[in-house]
Protein backbone atom coordinates (compact mmCIF):
# COMPACT_ATOMS: atom_id res chain seq x y z
CA MET A 1 -0.12 0.01 0.05
CA ASN A 2 1.31 3.42 -0.86
CA ASP A 3 2.16 5.66 2.14
CA PRO A 4 -0.12 8.91 1.55
CA VAL A 5 2.47 10.97 3.21
CA ARG A 6 5.28 9.87 1.17
CA THR A 7 3.02 10.17 -1.97
CA PHE A 8 2.02 13.67 -0.93
CA LYS A 9 5.72 14.75 -0.37
CA GLY A 10 6.83 13.29 -3.75
CA ARG A 11 4.02 15.12 -5.39
CA GLN A 12 5.24 18.39 -3.69
CA LYS A 13 8.80 17.78 -4.79
CA THR A 14 7.78 17.13 -8.16
CA GLN A 15 6.01 20.43 -8.54
CA ILE A 16 8.92 22.24 -7.10
CA VAL A 17 11.12 20.54 -9.66
CA ASP A 18 8.82 21.52 -12.42
CA GLN A 19 8.64 25.00 -11.18
CA ILE A 20 12.40 25.46 -11.15
CA ARG A 21 12.59 24.11 -14.84
CA ALA A 22 9.99 26.38 -15.84
CA ASP A 23 11.67 29.53 -14.39
CA GLN A 24 14.73 28.33 -16.22
CA ALA A 25 13.03 27.77 -19.59
CA GLU A 26 14.43 30.94 -21.19
CA LEU A 27 17.97 30.33 -20.19
CA PRO A 28 20.68 28.92 -22.42
CA LYS A 29 20.50 25.21 -22.25
CA ALA A 30 24.11 25.22 -20.79
CA GLU A 31 23.14 27.38 -17.74
CA ARG A 32 20.10 25.20 -16.65
CA TYR A 33 20.25 22.85 -13.91
CA LYS A 34 20.13 19.12 -15.35
CA ILE A 35 17.13 17.14 -14.12
CA GLY A 36 19.32 14.38 -12.41
CA ASP A 37 21.16 17.27 -10.34
CA LEU A 38 17.80 18.50 -9.29
CA LEU A 39 16.45 15.31 -8.21
CA ARG A 40 19.59 14.39 -6.32
CA VAL A 41 19.52 17.62 -4.42
CA ILE A 42 15.70 17.29 -3.51
CA ASP A 43 16.11 13.56 -2.78
CA LEU A 44 13.46 12.40 -5.42
CA ASN A 45 13.70 9.10 -7.11
CA LYS A 46 13.69 9.50 -11.02
CA ALA A 47 10.90 6.87 -11.32
CA THR A 48 8.83 8.44 -8.61
CA TYR A 49 9.23 11.88 -10.33
CA HIS A 50 7.88 10.47 -13.64
CA ASP A 51 5.18 8.68 -12.00
CA GLU A 52 3.85 11.95 -9.97
CA ARG A 53 4.01 14.00 -13.24
CA LYS A 54 1.61 11.56 -14.68
CA ARG A 55 -0.62 11.62 -11.88
CA ILE A 56 -0.50 15.45 -11.91
CA LYS A 57 -1.31 15.61 -15.64
CA ASN A 58 -4.21 13.34 -15.34
CA HIS A 59 -5.49 14.78 -12.23
CA LYS A 60 -8.98 16.50 -12.67
CA ASP A 61 -9.86 19.17 -10.05
CA LYS A 62 -13.82 19.08 -9.59
CA TYR A 63 -13.66 22.63 -8.05
CA VAL A 64 -12.00 24.38 -10.94
CA GLN A 65 -15.10 26.59 -11.68
CA GLU A 66 -15.61 27.12 -7.78
CA LYS A 67 -12.18 28.12 -7.40
CA LYS A 68 -12.27 30.67 -10.24
CA THR A 69 -15.50 32.06 -8.54
CA ILE A 70 -13.79 32.46 -5.28
CA LEU A 71 -10.88 34.24 -6.70
CA GLU A 72 -13.32 36.56 -8.19
CA ILE A 73 -15.32 37.28 -5.16
CA ALA A 74 -11.84 37.46 -3.03
CA LYS A 75 -10.65 40.15 -5.47
CA ASP A 76 -13.89 42.27 -4.88
CA GLY A 77 -13.28 41.92 -1.29
CA THR A 78 -9.89 43.21 -1.13
CA PHE A 79 -8.75 46.73 -0.34
CA ARG A 80 -5.23 47.94 -0.62
CA GLY A 81 -4.15 44.44 -1.28
CA ARG A 82 -5.94 43.15 1.77
CA LEU A 83 -8.45 40.42 1.85
CA THR A 84 -11.44 41.23 4.01
CA TYR A 85 -13.86 38.59 3.29
CA GLY A 86 -13.84 35.35 5.40
CA TYR A 87 -15.21 32.34 4.27
CA ARG A 88 -18.94 33.03 5.30
CA ARG A 89 -19.10 36.31 3.16
CA ILE A 90 -17.39 34.24 0.21
CA GLY A 91 -20.07 31.48 0.66
CA ASP A 92 -22.99 34.20 0.75
CA GLU A 93 -21.51 35.32 -2.57
CA LEU A 94 -21.03 31.90 -4.14
CA ALA A 95 -24.68 30.98 -3.07
CA LYS A 96 -26.03 34.10 -5.07
CA ARG A 97 -24.10 32.82 -8.10
CA GLY A 98 -25.75 29.24 -7.76
CA ILE A 99 -22.91 27.58 -6.14
CA HIS A 100 -23.71 26.03 -2.74
CA LEU A 101 -20.83 24.70 -0.66
CA CYS A 102 -20.37 23.87 3.03
CA GLY A 103 -18.16 26.25 4.76
CA ASP A 104 -15.62 23.48 5.59
CA THR A 105 -15.28 23.05 1.90
CA ILE A 106 -14.94 26.72 1.16
CA ARG A 107 -12.35 27.02 3.76
CA LYS A 108 -10.28 24.08 2.29
CA LEU A 109 -10.37 25.58 -1.06
CA MET A 110 -9.42 28.95 0.10
CA SER A 111 -6.45 27.27 1.67
CA GLU A 112 -5.39 25.44 -1.49
CA MET A 113 -5.47 28.66 -3.16
CA GLY A 114 -3.51 30.67 -0.54
CA ILE A 115 -6.47 32.98 0.15
CA GLN A 116 -6.87 34.02 3.55
CA VAL A 117 -8.08 37.18 5.45
CA THR A 118 -5.14 39.57 6.10
CA MET A 119 -6.75 42.21 8.34
CA TYR A 120 -5.09 43.54 11.55
CA ASN A 121 -8.17 43.39 13.73
CA LYS A 122 -7.04 44.65 16.98
CA HIS A 123 -8.06 47.27 19.53
CA ILE A 124 -7.70 50.90 18.03
CA ASN A 125 -7.41 53.74 20.83
CA HIS A 126 -7.83 56.59 18.58
CA HIS A 127 -11.12 57.71 20.07
CA TYR A 128 -11.86 61.67 20.07
CA SER A 129 -13.92 63.10 22.53
CA SER A 130 -15.72 66.32 21.78
CA PHE A 131 -17.57 66.60 25.16
CA LYS A 132 -17.08 69.86 26.92
CA GLY A 133 -20.25 69.90 28.92
CA LYS A 134 -23.47 71.58 28.19
CA VAL A 135 -22.58 74.64 25.82
CA GLY A 136 -25.86 74.53 23.98
CA LYS A 137 -28.97 72.40 23.30
CA VAL A 138 -28.91 68.89 24.50
CA CYS A 139 -31.83 66.59 23.08
CA ILE A 140 -33.27 63.38 24.11
CA ASN A 141 -32.07 59.94 23.10
CA ALA A 142 -34.70 58.85 20.50
CA LEU A 143 -32.94 55.59 19.98
CA ASN A 144 -32.26 54.17 23.48
CA GLN A 145 -29.81 51.40 21.73
CA LEU A 146 -32.62 50.08 19.40
CA PHE A 147 -30.66 49.90 16.23
CA GLU A 148 -33.41 48.11 14.13
CA GLU A 149 -34.00 50.14 11.20
CA THR A 150 -34.30 48.45 7.77
CA GLU A 151 -35.45 51.21 5.70
CA PRO A 152 -33.00 53.59 4.27
CA TYR A 153 -32.82 57.24 5.15
CA MET A 154 -34.95 56.68 8.20
CA VAL A 155 -32.09 56.75 10.88
CA LEU A 156 -28.66 58.29 10.50
CA HIS A 157 -25.74 58.36 12.76
CA THR A 158 -22.86 60.80 12.93
CA ASP A 159 -19.58 61.07 15.02
CA VAL A 160 -15.97 62.50 14.77
CA THR A 161 -12.89 60.43 15.36
CA GLN A 162 -9.14 61.08 14.74
CA VAL A 163 -6.22 59.34 12.99
CA LYS A 164 -2.59 60.26 13.60
CA LEU A 165 -0.43 61.00 10.46
CA ALA A 166 3.09 60.24 9.84
CA SER A 167 4.06 63.91 11.35
CA ASN A 168 2.51 62.85 14.49
CA LYS A 169 -0.24 65.59 13.90
CA TRP A 170 -3.94 64.43 14.22
CA ALA A 171 -6.41 64.30 11.19
CA TYR A 172 -10.10 64.60 12.30
CA ILE A 173 -12.67 62.60 10.58
CA SER A 174 -16.48 63.47 10.60
CA ALA A 175 -18.81 60.98 8.96
CA ILE A 176 -22.69 60.28 8.69
CA THR A 177 -23.93 56.70 8.23
CA ASP A 178 -27.29 55.22 7.41
CA GLU A 179 -28.49 52.60 10.18
CA ALA A 180 -30.21 50.51 7.62
CA SER A 181 -28.07 50.35 4.60
CA LYS A 182 -24.76 51.02 6.39
CA GLU A 183 -24.02 53.54 3.59
CA VAL A 184 -21.63 56.53 4.16
CA LEU A 185 -23.63 59.42 3.22
CA ALA A 186 -21.03 61.91 4.31
CA PHE A 187 -17.07 61.73 4.91
CA GLN A 188 -15.10 64.78 5.49
CA ILE A 189 -11.56 65.20 6.77
CA ASN A 190 -9.86 68.37 8.56
CA ASP A 191 -6.71 69.27 10.54
CA SER A 192 -9.09 70.57 13.11
CA PRO A 193 -12.33 69.37 14.80
CA ASN A 194 -13.77 72.76 14.22
CA LYS A 195 -17.21 74.01 13.21
CA GLU A 196 -16.17 73.80 9.43
CA LEU A 197 -15.60 70.18 9.62
CA ILE A 198 -19.30 69.72 10.70
CA LYS A 199 -20.66 72.24 8.48
CA ASP A 200 -18.88 70.45 5.41
CA THR A 201 -20.13 66.91 6.67
CA LEU A 202 -23.83 68.24 6.74
CA SER A 203 -23.35 69.98 3.37
CA GLU A 204 -22.41 66.68 1.98
CA LEU A 205 -25.43 64.75 3.42
CA LEU A 206 -27.88 67.23 2.42
CA LYS A 207 -26.76 66.86 -1.36
CA LYS A 208 -27.40 63.23 -1.13
CA LEU A 209 -30.52 63.07 0.80
CA PRO A 210 -33.80 62.71 -1.29
CA ASP A 211 -36.43 65.46 -0.95
CA TRP A 212 -38.57 63.25 1.00
CA ALA A 213 -36.38 61.81 3.60
CA LYS A 214 -36.92 63.20 7.17
CA PRO A 215 -34.70 61.16 9.13
CA ILE A 216 -33.54 61.08 12.75
CA ILE A 217 -29.74 62.04 12.96
CA HIS A 218 -28.13 60.68 16.10
CA SER A 219 -24.92 61.82 17.75
CA ASP A 220 -23.28 62.09 21.03
CA GLN A 221 -23.39 65.11 23.16
CA GLY A 222 -20.29 66.65 21.58
CA TRP A 223 -20.01 70.31 21.48
CA HIS A 224 -20.58 70.67 17.88
CA TYR A 225 -23.77 69.00 18.06
CA GLN A 226 -25.38 71.29 20.78
CA LEU A 227 -24.69 74.78 19.00
CA SER A 228 -27.27 76.73 17.03
CA TYR A 229 -25.79 76.39 13.75
CA TYR A 230 -26.05 72.74 13.92
CA THR A 231 -29.57 72.43 15.54
CA GLU A 232 -31.07 75.23 13.16
CA THR A 233 -29.72 73.38 10.07
CA LEU A 234 -31.48 70.12 11.00
CA ILE A 235 -34.75 72.01 11.70
CA GLU A 236 -34.60 73.82 8.42
CA ASN A 237 -33.87 70.58 6.60
CA ASN A 238 -36.57 68.47 8.42
CA LEU A 239 -34.08 66.31 10.39
CA VAL A 240 -35.02 65.07 13.73
CA GLN A 241 -32.20 65.41 16.23
CA SER A 242 -31.22 62.71 18.85
CA MET A 243 -28.37 62.45 21.21
CA SER A 244 -26.57 59.62 23.32
CA ARG A 245 -26.25 59.77 27.02
CA LYS A 246 -23.34 61.49 28.28
CA GLY A 247 -20.27 59.23 28.04
CA ASN A 248 -22.18 56.28 26.68
CA CYS A 249 -20.56 55.29 23.46
CA LEU A 250 -22.81 52.16 22.89
CA ASP A 251 -25.70 54.59 22.38
CA ASN A 252 -24.09 55.22 19.04
CA ALA A 253 -22.80 51.94 18.36
CA PRO A 254 -23.53 51.97 14.45
CA ILE A 255 -21.11 54.98 13.68
CA GLU A 256 -18.44 53.63 16.28
CA SER A 257 -18.63 50.29 14.39
CA PHE A 258 -18.02 51.93 10.90
CA PHE A 259 -14.94 53.97 12.17
CA HIS A 260 -13.54 50.63 13.51
CA ILE A 261 -14.07 48.83 10.21
CA TYR A 262 -12.57 51.83 8.28
CA LYS A 263 -9.34 52.05 10.33
CA THR A 264 -9.20 48.31 10.45
CA GLU A 265 -9.49 47.49 6.83
CA CYS A 266 -8.08 50.90 5.39
CA LEU A 267 -5.23 51.97 7.83
CA VAL A 268 -4.05 49.63 10.64
CA GLY A 269 -0.97 47.72 9.64
CA PHE A 270 0.09 50.16 6.89
CA PRO A 271 2.37 52.90 7.43
CA PRO A 272 0.72 56.20 8.56
CA CYS A 273 -0.39 58.77 5.86
CA LYS A 274 2.32 61.27 5.18
CA ASN A 275 -0.15 64.03 5.30
CA ILE A 276 -3.71 64.89 5.26
CA GLU A 277 -3.85 65.03 1.49
CA GLU A 278 -2.75 61.21 1.31
CA LEU A 279 -5.29 60.38 3.94
CA LYS A 280 -7.99 61.92 2.03
CA THR A 281 -7.27 60.01 -1.18
CA ILE A 282 -7.02 56.62 0.52
CA SER A 283 -10.14 57.49 2.48
CA GLN A 284 -12.15 58.40 -0.51
CA GLU A 285 -11.12 55.27 -2.22
CA TYR A 286 -12.14 53.39 0.69
CA VAL A 287 -15.56 54.96 1.22
CA SER A 288 -16.33 54.47 -2.49
CA TRP A 289 -15.39 50.71 -2.26
CA TYR A 290 -17.10 50.29 0.86
CA ASN A 291 -20.50 51.89 -0.31
CA ASN A 292 -20.39 50.40 -3.71
CA VAL A 293 -18.51 46.86 -3.61
CA ARG A 294 -18.13 45.63 -0.03
CA ILE A 295 -20.82 43.18 1.19
CA SER A 296 -22.12 42.61 4.60
CA ARG A 297 -24.21 40.10 6.20
CA GLU A 298 -25.87 42.74 8.08
CA THR A 299 -27.38 43.81 4.88
CA LYS A 300 -28.40 40.64 3.35
CA SER A 301 -24.92 40.13 1.66
CA MET A 302 -25.16 43.14 -0.43
CA SER A 303 -23.27 46.50 -0.71
CA PRO A 304 -24.67 49.36 1.04
CA VAL A 305 -25.74 50.90 -2.38
CA LYS A 306 -27.27 47.59 -3.50
CA TYR A 307 -29.13 47.15 -0.23
CA ARG A 308 -30.47 50.91 -0.50
CA GLU A 309 -31.64 50.41 -4.07
CA HIS A 310 -33.28 47.01 -3.23
CA ALA A 311 -34.92 48.36 -0.24
CA LEU A 312 -36.53 51.46 -1.73
CA ALA A 313 -37.44 49.41 -4.85
CA ALA A 314 -39.45 47.01 -2.81
C-alpha cells in the first residue's frame, strides 16, 4: 500500500522541480540545472518523479469553476491588497451565483489557493472626545440603543474620530452613516475638529438626501452638535435630532462600528499617511469601495448601495 504521506511529499517535490525547470526555460541550455542534479538535491527518485508528473497531468480538479469564482469574489473583497472577506461572506456570494458549498469546503479551497483574511483586527485607541459639558442644546435619546431600522434614510448616525499622521499630527474625520444600509452618506476630513468640519459634513449629507427624507440624525453630546448652527440646520432641513447619553459610546454603536471597520481595513497595519492629502485620497477610495462593492451579512450580503436600491424598490 502506498504511504499517503510519502506520496504527498513526492508530489510536492515534483511540483518544485517542475517550477524550477519552468523558471529556467528561457536560459541557455548550458546554464540550466540538469534534471538529475535537481532530483538528487531534492532527494526524489527519478521513477517517482515521472510517475507523479503523470498523476498531476491526469488529475482533474472537480472544483475548478468554484475556485475561479472564489478568486473573483476575493478580488472584490480586497482593499489595498488586503482581503477582508472570510469564508462566510465568500459562501454568501457563491450562493448568489448558484454555487452551494459547505463552510468547511470553502475554507479548504481557500487554503489550497492561498487565500486568507489579512486584516489587523486589534483594539484601536484613537477615540476623539468632543464632550465639553453643556454648551448649547442637549436633546433626548430617541433610539435608546434600538438599532433595528431596515428602511434607508430613516435613521442616521454621526460622530467625529481622529487618525494620527506620519508627522504625529492628528487628522479629524466626521462621518454620517445610514443605520439600515450602512451606507456612508458623508465623510469629511480636516486638520482641526472645528465647526467647518461639521458644516462640510452636513452639506455633503444634504446633497445626497432625497427631498422626501426626514430622518433622525443621532450623535453624542459633543459640543459641535449642541450649537445653534447645527440644530438650526437640522430643523431647516426636516432632520430630527437625537443624542446619546453622556459618556455612553454604546448609544451610538453603528457609527463607532463603522469607524472601527474603516481603520481596520484601510489604515491599521500600513505606514501612517504622510499628510492629510494622502489620507483624504486613500479614504475617498475606501468609502467608494465600502459603499459600492463591500458586502456585509448585516445587509443581506449586499453592498450598502445595493441594499438601499433594493429596499427602496421593494
